[in-house]
Amino acid sequence: MARIIEMQICLGSSCFSRGNKDIVMYIKEYLKKNHLDDRVVFKGSRCMDKCSNGPNLMINGRMIEEISLANIEAIMVREFGNIK
């Protein structure tokens, strides 16, 4: 049985104003396209208290800061490339 991965994205106003709406859409599409949506629980978080370093993403309790559309694909490949 495949392990379930928990992923949260900060949807606080600071992170949201820095482009998290587009990042959320990218992540959802990436998970679906790569057949990971049944293995990854992806949800929003109100605030991760790291506003100055946002947007922020947490994967299994590990914080990834300063995510953007420019680096999210590399993050997804690094984190999920080997679980198919």
Protein backbone atom coordinates (compact mmCIF):
# COMPACT_ATOMS: atom_id res chain seq x y z
CA MET A 1 0.00 0.00 0.00
CA ALA A 2 1.32 3.43 -0.95
CA ARG A 3 2.02 5.89 1.80
CA ILE A 4 -0.24 8.92 2.14
CA ILE A 5 1.53 12.26 1.94
CA GLU A 6 0.11 15.33 3.66
CA MET A 7 0.67 18.63 1.91
CA GLN A 8 -0.57 22.03 3.11
CA ILE A 9 -0.25 25.37 1.40
CA CYS A 10 -0.53 28.63 3.29
CA LEU A 11 -3.57 30.63 2.23
CA GLY A 12 -2.97 33.50 4.62
CA SER A 13 -3.38 36.95 3.11
CA SER A 14 0.35 37.58 2.69
CA CYS A 15 1.04 34.30 0.88
CA PHE A 16 -2.18 34.54 -1.08
CA SER A 17 -1.28 38.03 -2.31
CA ARG A 18 2.05 36.65 -3.54
CA GLY A 19 0.40 34.24 -5.98
CA ASN A 20 -0.76 31.19 -4.07
CA LYS A 21 -3.99 31.02 -6.08
CA ASP A 22 -2.04 30.12 -9.22
CA ILE A 23 0.28 27.81 -7.28
CA VAL A 24 -2.71 25.93 -5.82
CA MET A 25 -4.11 25.41 -9.32
CA TYR A 26 -0.72 24.19 -10.58
CA ILE A 27 -0.34 21.70 -7.71
CA LYS A 28 -3.87 20.32 -8.20
CA GLU A 29 -3.22 19.82 -11.91
CA TYR A 30 0.21 18.27 -11.27
CA LEU A 31 -1.21 15.77 -8.77
CA LYS A 32 -4.01 14.78 -11.11
CA LYS A 33 -1.80 14.57 -14.23
CA ASN A 34 0.70 12.37 -12.38
CA HIS A 35 -1.96 10.18 -10.74
CA LEU A 36 -0.92 11.30 -7.28
CA ASP A 37 -4.23 12.76 -6.12
CA ASP A 38 -5.12 9.50 -4.37
CA ARG A 39 -1.80 9.47 -2.45
CA VAL A 40 -1.45 13.13 -1.53
CA VAL A 41 -3.84 14.91 0.82
CA PHE A 42 -3.58 18.52 -0.35
CA LYS A 43 -5.27 21.24 1.68
CA GLY A 44 -4.99 24.88 2.59
CA SER A 45 -3.83 26.32 5.88
CA ARG A 46 -4.92 29.65 7.33
CA CYS A 47 -1.46 30.90 8.22
CA MET A 48 1.89 29.25 8.87
CA ASP A 49 3.41 32.23 10.72
CA LYS A 50 6.25 32.59 8.21
CA CYS A 51 4.72 35.46 6.26
CA SER A 52 7.96 37.20 5.33
CA ASN A 53 9.27 33.97 3.75
CA GLY A 54 6.09 33.04 1.88
CA PRO A 55 4.43 31.65 0.00
CA ASN A 56 4.90 28.55 2.11
CA LEU A 57 4.21 24.87 1.53
CA MET A 58 4.41 22.09 4.11
CA ILE A 59 4.95 18.47 3.07
CA ASN A 60 4.72 15.87 5.83
CA GLY A 61 5.60 18.50 8.42
CA ARG A 62 8.60 19.93 6.52
CA MET A 63 8.33 23.59 5.54
CA ILE A 64 9.28 24.77 2.06
CA GLU A 65 9.43 28.56 1.85
CA GLU A 66 9.37 31.06 -1.00
CA ILE A 67 7.49 28.86 -3.46
CA SER A 68 6.46 30.39 -6.77
CA LEU A 69 5.24 29.39 -10.20
CA ALA A 70 8.89 29.54 -11.28
CA ASN A 71 10.03 26.86 -8.81
CA ILE A 72 6.92 24.79 -7.99
CA GLU A 73 7.45 22.26 -10.79
CA ALA A 74 10.99 21.49 -9.59
CA ILE A 75 9.66 21.12 -6.03
CA MET A 76 6.93 18.71 -7.15
CA VAL A 77 9.37 16.61 -9.18
CA ARG A 78 11.84 16.54 -6.28
CA GLU A 79 9.18 15.58 -3.73
CA PHE A 80 7.04 13.18 -5.78
CA GLY A 81 9.15 12.01 -8.68
CA ASN A 82 9.89 8.63 -7.15
CA ILE A 83 6.57 7.59 -5.61
CA LYS A 84 4.73 6.50 -8.77
